[in-house]
Amino acid sequence: MKDFFPVSVWYGPNKSRAPMTAKVKGLSEIKSEISRIKKIGFNTIRFWYDWATAEPEPDVWDFSSIEELLNITDELKIKAILQIYTDSAPNWVERDYPDSLFIDRSGLTIHSQSAPGYCSDHPQVRKHITSFLQNLAKVVSRHDSFLAWDIWSEPHIVQWSWIDYIKDPWFCYCEYSKNRFIEWLKTKYETVQKLNEIWYRKHGSWEEITIPRYVSLSSFRDLLDWIQFNIEKISEDLFWKTSAIKK
């Protein structure tokens, strides 16, 4: 494989479009399409799989669609890359964990419509996403045609959603994201007194801190910290997802 350079086409069976995962039907037609893809020169094909399809109910798993597709690529001896969507999330998450919704700086909660899913700073959301990634990896790694992962396409806090009824939405302002931000601030500043000096505040404790929501002429370091925190959070979350799969 050291001299193998993947050149792939993005493929969804039965005219499905990412992140939606269609039930596989018409195996002979799919096999014919993938055979033609290989014949015209592609050595790899890119599939996708989303959390909503994989876990229709808590801890109930369905990987049948990707299993059938990888059986075909095994047979046709063409490599496969798998793209993952965790923002396409099952709606039972909101039912079971109503405090997992993304919250905008205005205080408005965002109900997922296939996307953007739920805030992974919530411990139960993170637990289920970890299980999704690890269970998917167990299935995929059994196939000879499997080559590589696309773990997070275009990383962002909230993606694939145009929430146009909110002016310039920012995320996430839930209690779990706030607590993660405060832990980040503790690491950076060590004491509330040091943070007060830099932010130009008079906080008596870490618990009094609120997440910055707007630009103020009186202080700008708070907002820069919030931006930097979110950049680092994306990096940390990518490492979390990568580590879950490797495990």
C-alpha atoms as a PDB file:
ATOM      1  CA  MET A   1       0.000   0.000   0.000  1.00  0.00           C
ATOM      2  CA  LYS A   2       2.971   2.380   0.294  1.00  0.00           C
ATOM      3  CA  ASP A   3       2.644   3.342  -3.377  1.00  0.00           C
ATOM      4  CA  PHE A   4      -1.162   3.534  -3.327  1.00  0.00           C
ATOM      5  CA  PHE A   5      -2.659   6.987  -3.907  1.00  0.00           C
ATOM      6  CA  PRO A   6      -6.454   7.063  -3.443  1.00  0.00           C
ATOM      7  CA  VAL A   7      -8.535   8.791  -6.109  1.00  0.00           C
ATOM      8  CA  SER A   8     -12.169   8.469  -5.116  1.00  0.00           C
ATOM      9  CA  VAL A   9     -15.691   9.387  -6.098  1.00  0.00           C
ATOM     10  CA  TRP A  10     -18.343  10.205  -3.482  1.00  0.00           C
ATOM     11  CA  TYR A  11     -21.102   7.634  -3.799  1.00  0.00           C
ATOM     12  CA  GLY A  12     -24.551   7.227  -2.248  1.00  0.00           C
ATOM     13  CA  PRO A  13     -26.766   4.335  -3.332  1.00  0.00           C
ATOM     14  CA  ASN A  14     -30.261   4.908  -4.683  1.00  0.00           C
ATOM     15  CA  LYS A  15     -29.680   8.642  -5.167  1.00  0.00           C
ATOM     16  CA  SER A  16     -29.159   9.332  -1.464  1.00  0.00           C
ATOM     17  CA  ARG A  17     -27.269  12.456  -0.450  1.00  0.00           C
ATOM     18  CA  ALA A  18     -24.984  12.901   2.547  1.00  0.00           C
ATOM     19  CA  PRO A  19     -25.526  12.878   5.417  1.00  0.00           C
ATOM     20  CA  MET A  20     -28.696  10.860   4.780  1.00  0.00           C
ATOM     21  CA  THR A  21     -28.050   7.118   4.637  1.00  0.00           C
ATOM     22  CA  ALA A  22     -30.507   5.240   2.447  1.00  0.00           C
ATOM     23  CA  LYS A  23     -31.479   1.644   3.012  1.00  0.00           C
ATOM     24  CA  VAL A  24     -29.600  -0.376   0.421  1.00  0.00           C
ATOM     25  CA  LYS A  25     -31.849  -1.841  -2.255  1.00  0.00           C
ATOM     26  CA  GLY A  26     -31.088  -3.050  -5.756  1.00  0.00           C
ATOM     27  CA  LEU A  27     -27.715  -4.628  -4.988  1.00  0.00           C
ATOM     28  CA  SER A  28     -27.132  -5.593  -8.614  1.00  0.00           C
ATOM     29  CA  GLU A  29     -27.610  -1.976  -9.731  1.00  0.00           C
ATOM     30  CA  ILE A  30     -25.248  -0.691  -7.027  1.00  0.00           C
ATOM     31  CA  LYS A  31     -22.655  -3.293  -7.958  1.00  0.00           C
ATOM     32  CA  SER A  32     -22.971  -2.278 -11.607  1.00  0.00           C
ATOM     33  CA  GLU A  33     -22.490   1.408 -10.755  1.00  0.00           C
ATOM     34  CA  ILE A  34     -19.428   0.767  -8.607  1.00  0.00           C
ATOM     35  CA  SER A  35     -18.003  -1.507 -11.326  1.00  0.00           C
ATOM     36  CA  ARG A  36     -18.322   1.353 -13.836  1.00  0.00           C
ATOM     37  CA  ILE A  37     -16.688   3.747 -11.361  1.00  0.00           C
ATOM     38  CA  LYS A  38     -13.738   1.378 -11.120  1.00  0.00           C
ATOM     39  CA  LYS A  39     -13.634   0.800 -14.889  1.00  0.00           C
ATOM     40  CA  ILE A  40     -13.228   4.510 -15.698  1.00  0.00           C
ATOM     41  CA  GLY A  41     -10.181   4.766 -13.438  1.00  0.00           C
ATOM     42  CA  PHE A  42     -11.151   5.402  -9.824  1.00  0.00           C
ATOM     43  CA  ASN A  43      -9.307   3.142  -7.364  1.00  0.00           C
ATOM     44  CA  THR A  44     -11.324   4.192  -4.299  1.00  0.00           C
ATOM     45  CA  ILE A  45     -14.916   4.992  -3.464  1.00  0.00           C
ATOM     46  CA  ARG A  46     -16.123   7.236  -0.644  1.00  0.00           C
ATOM     47  CA  PHE A  47     -19.154   6.278   1.426  1.00  0.00           C
ATOM     48  CA  TRP A  48     -20.608   7.946   4.496  1.00  0.00           C
ATOM     49  CA  TYR A  49     -22.472   6.905   7.627  1.00  0.00           C
ATOM     50  CA  ASP A  50     -24.348   9.010  10.152  1.00  0.00           C
ATOM     51  CA  TRP A  51     -25.126   8.639  13.829  1.00  0.00           C
ATOM     52  CA  ALA A  52     -28.918   8.908  13.289  1.00  0.00           C
ATOM     53  CA  THR A  53     -28.912   5.794  11.097  1.00  0.00           C
ATOM     54  CA  ALA A  54     -26.493   3.872  13.276  1.00  0.00           C
ATOM     55  CA  GLU A  55     -28.344   4.314  16.596  1.00  0.00           C
ATOM     56  CA  PRO A  56     -32.114   4.561  15.937  1.00  0.00           C
ATOM     57  CA  GLU A  57     -32.793   3.934  19.647  1.00  0.00           C
ATOM     58  CA  PRO A  58     -30.350   4.191  22.580  1.00  0.00           C
ATOM     59  CA  ASP A  59     -27.740   1.427  22.367  1.00  0.00           C
ATOM     60  CA  VAL A  60     -29.574  -0.235  19.446  1.00  0.00           C
ATOM     61  CA  TRP A  61     -27.188  -0.427  16.493  1.00  0.00           C
ATOM     62  CA  ASP A  62     -27.764  -0.705  12.755  1.00  0.00           C
ATOM     63  CA  PHE A  63     -24.764  -0.893  10.435  1.00  0.00           C
ATOM     64  CA  SER A  64     -26.467  -2.979   7.768  1.00  0.00           C
ATOM     65  CA  SER A  65     -26.257  -0.387   4.974  1.00  0.00           C
ATOM     66  CA  ILE A  66     -22.509   0.210   5.222  1.00  0.00           C
ATOM     67  CA  GLU A  67     -21.902  -3.512   5.696  1.00  0.00           C
ATOM     68  CA  GLU A  68     -23.654  -4.282   2.404  1.00  0.00           C
ATOM     69  CA  LEU A  69     -21.732  -1.582   0.538  1.00  0.00           C
ATOM     70  CA  LEU A  70     -18.387  -2.779   1.888  1.00  0.00           C
ATOM     71  CA  ASN A  71     -19.265  -6.339   0.911  1.00  0.00           C
ATOM     72  CA  ILE A  72     -19.539  -5.046  -2.660  1.00  0.00           C
ATOM     73  CA  THR A  73     -16.214  -3.170  -2.550  1.00  0.00           C
ATOM     74  CA  ASP A  74     -14.586  -6.289  -1.059  1.00  0.00           C
ATOM     75  CA  GLU A  75     -15.861  -8.326  -3.979  1.00  0.00           C
ATOM     76  CA  LEU A  76     -14.918  -5.770  -6.643  1.00  0.00           C
ATOM     77  CA  LYS A  77     -11.517  -5.101  -5.053  1.00  0.00           C
ATOM     78  CA  ILE A  78     -11.875  -1.334  -4.920  1.00  0.00           C
ATOM     79  CA  LYS A  79     -10.828   0.550  -1.788  1.00  0.00           C
ATOM     80  CA  ALA A  80     -13.303   2.450   0.403  1.00  0.00           C
ATOM     81  CA  ILE A  81     -13.065   5.642   2.451  1.00  0.00           C
ATOM     82  CA  LEU A  82     -15.739   6.259   5.084  1.00  0.00           C
ATOM     83  CA  GLN A  83     -16.957   9.737   5.964  1.00  0.00           C
ATOM     84  CA  ILE A  84     -18.665  10.185   9.352  1.00  0.00           C
ATOM     85  CA  TYR A  85     -21.498  12.515  10.360  1.00  0.00           C
ATOM     86  CA  THR A  86     -22.204  12.960  14.060  1.00  0.00           C
ATOM     87  CA  ASP A  87     -24.196  16.167  13.535  1.00  0.00           C
ATOM     88  CA  SER A  88     -26.869  14.053  11.808  1.00  0.00           C
ATOM     89  CA  ALA A  89     -28.166  12.818  15.129  1.00  0.00           C
ATOM     90  CA  PRO A  90     -31.117  10.712  16.350  1.00  0.00           C
ATOM     91  CA  ASN A  91     -34.017  12.687  17.810  1.00  0.00           C
ATOM     92  CA  TRP A  92     -34.289  10.515  20.921  1.00  0.00           C
ATOM     93  CA  VAL A  93     -31.284  12.473  22.202  1.00  0.00           C
ATOM     94  CA  GLU A  94     -33.498  15.506  22.773  1.00  0.00           C
ATOM     95  CA  ARG A  95     -36.198  13.313  24.305  1.00  0.00           C
ATOM     96  CA  ASP A  96     -33.800  11.712  26.791  1.00  0.00           C
ATOM     97  CA  TYR A  97     -31.440  14.676  27.307  1.00  0.00           C
ATOM     98  CA  PRO A  98     -33.381  17.915  26.747  1.00  0.00           C
ATOM     99  CA  ASP A  99     -30.449  19.913  28.139  1.00  0.00           C
ATOM    100  CA  SER A 100     -28.251  18.732  25.233  1.00  0.00           C
ATOM    101  CA  LEU A 101     -29.610  21.286  22.739  1.00  0.00           C
ATOM    102  CA  PHE A 102     -27.285  23.898  21.297  1.00  0.00           C
ATOM    103  CA  ILE A 103     -27.937  27.329  22.798  1.00  0.00           C
ATOM    104  CA  ASP A 104     -27.217  30.549  20.910  1.00  0.00           C
ATOM    105  CA  ARG A 105     -25.745  33.627  22.605  1.00  0.00           C
ATOM    106  CA  SER A 106     -29.281  35.109  22.509  1.00  0.00           C
ATOM    107  CA  GLY A 107     -30.447  32.255  24.761  1.00  0.00           C
ATOM    108  CA  LEU A 108     -32.477  30.557  22.017  1.00  0.00           C
ATOM    109  CA  THR A 109     -32.302  26.756  21.882  1.00  0.00           C
ATOM    110  CA  ILE A 110     -31.830  24.967  18.570  1.00  0.00           C
ATOM    111  CA  HIS A 111     -33.958  21.907  17.869  1.00  0.00           C
ATOM    112  CA  SER A 112     -32.133  19.562  15.536  1.00  0.00           C
ATOM    113  CA  GLN A 113     -33.621  19.013  12.071  1.00  0.00           C
ATOM    114  CA  SER A 114     -31.298  16.161  11.049  1.00  0.00           C
ATOM    115  CA  ALA A 115     -28.584  18.765  11.738  1.00  0.00           C
ATOM    116  CA  PRO A 116     -26.938  20.340  13.702  1.00  0.00           C
ATOM    117  CA  GLY A 117     -27.468  17.574  16.240  1.00  0.00           C
ATOM    118  CA  TYR A 118     -26.644  18.117  19.887  1.00  0.00           C
ATOM    119  CA  CYS A 119     -23.848  19.670  21.910  1.00  0.00           C
ATOM    120  CA  SER A 120     -21.061  17.164  22.474  1.00  0.00           C
ATOM    121  CA  ASP A 121     -20.001  18.995  25.626  1.00  0.00           C
ATOM    122  CA  HIS A 122     -22.967  17.165  27.186  1.00  0.00           C
ATOM    123  CA  PRO A 123     -21.473  14.001  28.758  1.00  0.00           C
ATOM    124  CA  GLN A 124     -24.223  11.655  27.543  1.00  0.00           C
ATOM    125  CA  VAL A 125     -24.049  12.993  23.990  1.00  0.00           C
ATOM    126  CA  ARG A 126     -20.293  12.460  24.045  1.00  0.00           C
ATOM    127  CA  LYS A 127     -20.734   8.957  25.442  1.00  0.00           C
ATOM    128  CA  HIS A 128     -23.163   7.936  22.678  1.00  0.00           C
ATOM    129  CA  ILE A 129     -21.034   9.470  19.922  1.00  0.00           C
ATOM    130  CA  THR A 130     -18.019   7.581  21.263  1.00  0.00           C
ATOM    131  CA  SER A 131     -20.015   4.339  21.183  1.00  0.00           C
ATOM    132  CA  PHE A 132     -21.162   5.099  17.632  1.00  0.00           C
ATOM    133  CA  LEU A 133     -17.604   5.646  16.424  1.00  0.00           C
ATOM    134  CA  GLN A 134     -16.227   2.552  18.152  1.00  0.00           C
ATOM    135  CA  ASN A 135     -19.035   0.244  17.038  1.00  0.00           C
ATOM    136  CA  LEU A 136     -18.767   1.541  13.483  1.00  0.00           C
ATOM    137  CA  ALA A 137     -15.007   0.964  13.540  1.00  0.00           C
ATOM    138  CA  LYS A 138     -15.521  -2.654  14.621  1.00  0.00           C
ATOM    139  CA  VAL A 139     -17.761  -3.283  11.607  1.00  0.00           C
ATOM    140  CA  VAL A 140     -15.698  -1.406   9.044  1.00  0.00           C
ATOM    141  CA  SER A 141     -12.293  -2.773  10.070  1.00  0.00           C
ATOM    142  CA  ARG A 142     -13.368  -6.326   9.208  1.00  0.00           C
ATOM    143  CA  HIS A 143     -13.469  -5.479   5.496  1.00  0.00           C
ATOM    144  CA  ASP A 144     -10.424  -5.842   3.260  1.00  0.00           C
ATOM    145  CA  SER A 145     -11.553  -2.971   1.039  1.00  0.00           C
ATOM    146  CA  PHE A 146     -11.634  -0.427   3.875  1.00  0.00           C
ATOM    147  CA  LEU A 147      -8.816   2.121   3.490  1.00  0.00           C
ATOM    148  CA  ALA A 148      -9.354   5.264   5.571  1.00  0.00           C
ATOM    149  CA  TRP A 149     -11.650   7.595   7.504  1.00  0.00           C
ATOM    150  CA  ASP A 150     -12.872  11.114   6.909  1.00  0.00           C
ATOM    151  CA  ILE A 151     -13.632  11.709  10.570  1.00  0.00           C
ATOM    152  CA  TRP A 152     -14.981  15.249  10.462  1.00  0.00           C
ATOM    153  CA  SER A 153     -15.723  17.083   7.239  1.00  0.00           C
ATOM    154  CA  GLU A 154     -15.254  20.854   7.621  1.00  0.00           C
ATOM    155  CA  PRO A 155     -14.971  20.961  11.445  1.00  0.00           C
ATOM    156  CA  HIS A 156     -17.152  23.564  13.137  1.00  0.00           C
ATOM    157  CA  ILE A 157     -19.181  23.895  16.350  1.00  0.00           C
ATOM    158  CA  VAL A 158     -22.470  23.971  14.387  1.00  0.00           C
ATOM    159  CA  GLN A 159     -22.479  22.976  10.723  1.00  0.00           C
ATOM    160  CA  TRP A 160     -24.830  22.143   7.842  1.00  0.00           C
ATOM    161  CA  SER A 161     -27.543  24.412   9.266  1.00  0.00           C
ATOM    162  CA  TRP A 162     -28.552  27.931   8.235  1.00  0.00           C
ATOM    163  CA  ILE A 163     -30.359  29.270  11.279  1.00  0.00           C
ATOM    164  CA  ASP A 164     -31.547  32.433   9.595  1.00  0.00           C
ATOM    165  CA  TYR A 165     -34.139  33.430  12.203  1.00  0.00           C
ATOM    166  CA  ILE A 166     -31.240  34.355  14.523  1.00  0.00           C
ATOM    167  CA  LYS A 167     -28.963  37.255  13.648  1.00  0.00           C
ATOM    168  CA  ASP A 168     -25.311  36.124  13.631  1.00  0.00           C
ATOM    169  CA  PRO A 169     -25.719  33.033  15.856  1.00  0.00           C
ATOM    170  CA  TRP A 170     -22.817  31.922  18.072  1.00  0.00           C
ATOM    171  CA  PHE A 171     -22.525  28.569  19.848  1.00  0.00           C
ATOM    172  CA  CYS A 172     -22.641  27.009  22.321  1.00  0.00           C
ATOM    173  CA  TYR A 173     -23.851  28.715  25.490  1.00  0.00           C
ATOM    174  CA  CYS A 174     -25.245  25.701  27.333  1.00  0.00           C
ATOM    175  CA  GLU A 175     -24.152  24.949  30.903  1.00  0.00           C
ATOM    176  CA  TYR A 176     -21.842  22.151  29.742  1.00  0.00           C
ATOM    177  CA  SER A 177     -20.008  24.416  27.298  1.00  0.00           C
ATOM    178  CA  LYS A 178     -19.831  27.133  29.964  1.00  0.00           C
ATOM    179  CA  ASN A 179     -18.271  24.695  32.436  1.00  0.00           C
ATOM    180  CA  ARG A 180     -15.751  23.544  29.826  1.00  0.00           C
ATOM    181  CA  PHE A 181     -14.863  27.165  29.087  1.00  0.00           C
ATOM    182  CA  ILE A 182     -14.354  27.923  32.773  1.00  0.00           C
ATOM    183  CA  GLU A 183     -12.032  24.924  33.124  1.00  0.00           C
ATOM    184  CA  TRP A 184     -10.086  26.270  30.141  1.00  0.00           C
ATOM    185  CA  LEU A 185      -9.862  29.690  31.841  1.00  0.00           C
ATOM    186  CA  LYS A 186      -8.617  28.084  35.072  1.00  0.00           C
ATOM    187  CA  THR A 187      -5.796  26.447  33.149  1.00  0.00           C
ATOM    188  CA  LYS A 188      -4.865  29.697  31.424  1.00  0.00           C
ATOM    189  CA  TYR A 189      -5.181  32.174  34.313  1.00  0.00           C
ATOM    190  CA  GLU A 190      -4.939  29.955  37.424  1.00  0.00           C
ATOM    191  CA  THR A 191      -6.716  32.503  39.651  1.00  0.00           C
ATOM    192  CA  VAL A 192      -9.851  34.619  39.337  1.00  0.00           C
ATOM    193  CA  GLN A 193      -7.784  37.630  40.351  1.00  0.00           C
ATOM    194  CA  LYS A 194      -5.501  37.178  37.343  1.00  0.00           C
ATOM    195  CA  LEU A 195      -8.499  36.770  35.026  1.00  0.00           C
ATOM    196  CA  ASN A 196     -10.101  39.908  36.493  1.00  0.00           C
ATOM    197  CA  GLU A 197      -6.932  41.865  35.781  1.00  0.00           C
ATOM    198  CA  ILE A 198      -6.848  40.788  32.126  1.00  0.00           C
ATOM    199  CA  TRP A 199     -10.611  40.917  31.480  1.00  0.00           C
ATOM    200  CA  TYR A 200     -11.181  44.106  33.502  1.00  0.00           C
ATOM    201  CA  ARG A 201     -13.726  42.509  35.821  1.00  0.00           C
ATOM    202  CA  LYS A 202     -14.477  42.122  39.528  1.00  0.00           C
ATOM    203  CA  HIS A 203     -15.557  38.464  39.693  1.00  0.00           C
ATOM    204  CA  GLY A 204     -15.584  37.029  43.204  1.00  0.00           C
ATOM    205  CA  SER A 205     -15.359  33.419  42.015  1.00  0.00           C
ATOM    206  CA  TRP A 206     -15.155  31.274  38.864  1.00  0.00           C
ATOM    207  CA  GLU A 207     -18.873  30.522  39.168  1.00  0.00           C
ATOM    208  CA  GLU A 208     -19.738  34.194  38.523  1.00  0.00           C
ATOM    209  CA  ILE A 209     -18.171  34.161  35.048  1.00  0.00           C
ATOM    210  CA  THR A 210     -20.492  34.431  32.053  1.00  0.00           C
ATOM    211  CA  ILE A 211     -19.514  33.598  28.479  1.00  0.00           C
ATOM    212  CA  PRO A 212     -18.830  36.722  26.361  1.00  0.00           C
ATOM    213  CA  ARG A 213     -21.670  37.473  23.938  1.00  0.00           C
ATOM    214  CA  TYR A 214     -20.713  40.701  22.188  1.00  0.00           C
ATOM    215  CA  VAL A 215     -17.936  43.184  21.474  1.00  0.00           C
ATOM    216  CA  SER A 216     -17.397  45.801  24.155  1.00  0.00           C
ATOM    217  CA  LEU A 217     -15.199  48.874  23.856  1.00  0.00           C
ATOM    218  CA  SER A 218     -14.387  48.502  27.550  1.00  0.00           C
ATOM    219  CA  SER A 219     -12.803  45.069  27.162  1.00  0.00           C
ATOM    220  CA  PHE A 220     -11.879  42.779  24.295  1.00  0.00           C
ATOM    221  CA  ARG A 221      -9.687  40.086  25.871  1.00  0.00           C
ATOM    222  CA  ASP A 222     -12.723  38.146  27.108  1.00  0.00           C
ATOM    223  CA  LEU A 223     -14.054  37.745  23.564  1.00  0.00           C
ATOM    224  CA  LEU A 224     -10.632  36.777  22.224  1.00  0.00           C
ATOM    225  CA  ASP A 225     -10.428  34.094  24.911  1.00  0.00           C
ATOM    226  CA  TRP A 226     -13.847  32.747  23.888  1.00  0.00           C
ATOM    227  CA  ILE A 227     -12.759  32.576  20.241  1.00  0.00           C
ATOM    228  CA  GLN A 228      -9.468  30.901  21.138  1.00  0.00           C
ATOM    229  CA  PHE A 229     -11.260  28.418  23.387  1.00  0.00           C
ATOM    230  CA  ASN A 230     -13.579  27.368  20.562  1.00  0.00           C
ATOM    231  CA  ILE A 231     -10.669  26.930  18.142  1.00  0.00           C
ATOM    232  CA  GLU A 232      -8.888  24.700  20.650  1.00  0.00           C
ATOM    233  CA  LYS A 233     -12.127  22.871  21.451  1.00  0.00           C
ATOM    234  CA  ILE A 234     -12.541  21.835  17.812  1.00  0.00           C
ATOM    235  CA  SER A 235      -8.977  20.509  17.815  1.00  0.00           C
ATOM    236  CA  GLU A 236      -9.536  18.622  21.069  1.00  0.00           C
ATOM    237  CA  ASP A 237     -12.805  17.158  19.799  1.00  0.00           C
ATOM    238  CA  LEU A 238     -11.159  15.975  16.608  1.00  0.00           C
ATOM    239  CA  PHE A 239      -8.546  14.218  18.750  1.00  0.00           C
ATOM    240  CA  TRP A 240     -11.357  12.684  20.846  1.00  0.00           C
ATOM    241  CA  LYS A 241     -13.084  11.265  17.764  1.00  0.00           C
ATOM    242  CA  THR A 242      -9.811  10.001  16.289  1.00  0.00           C
ATOM    243  CA  SER A 243      -8.836   8.336  19.573  1.00  0.00           C
ATOM    244  CA  ALA A 244     -12.256   6.695  19.925  1.00  0.00           C
ATOM    245  CA  ILE A 245     -11.911   5.098  16.492  1.00  0.00           C
ATOM    246  CA  LYS A 246      -8.299   4.005  17.019  1.00  0.00           C
ATOM    247  CA  LYS A 247      -9.242   2.387  20.316  1.00  0.00           C
END
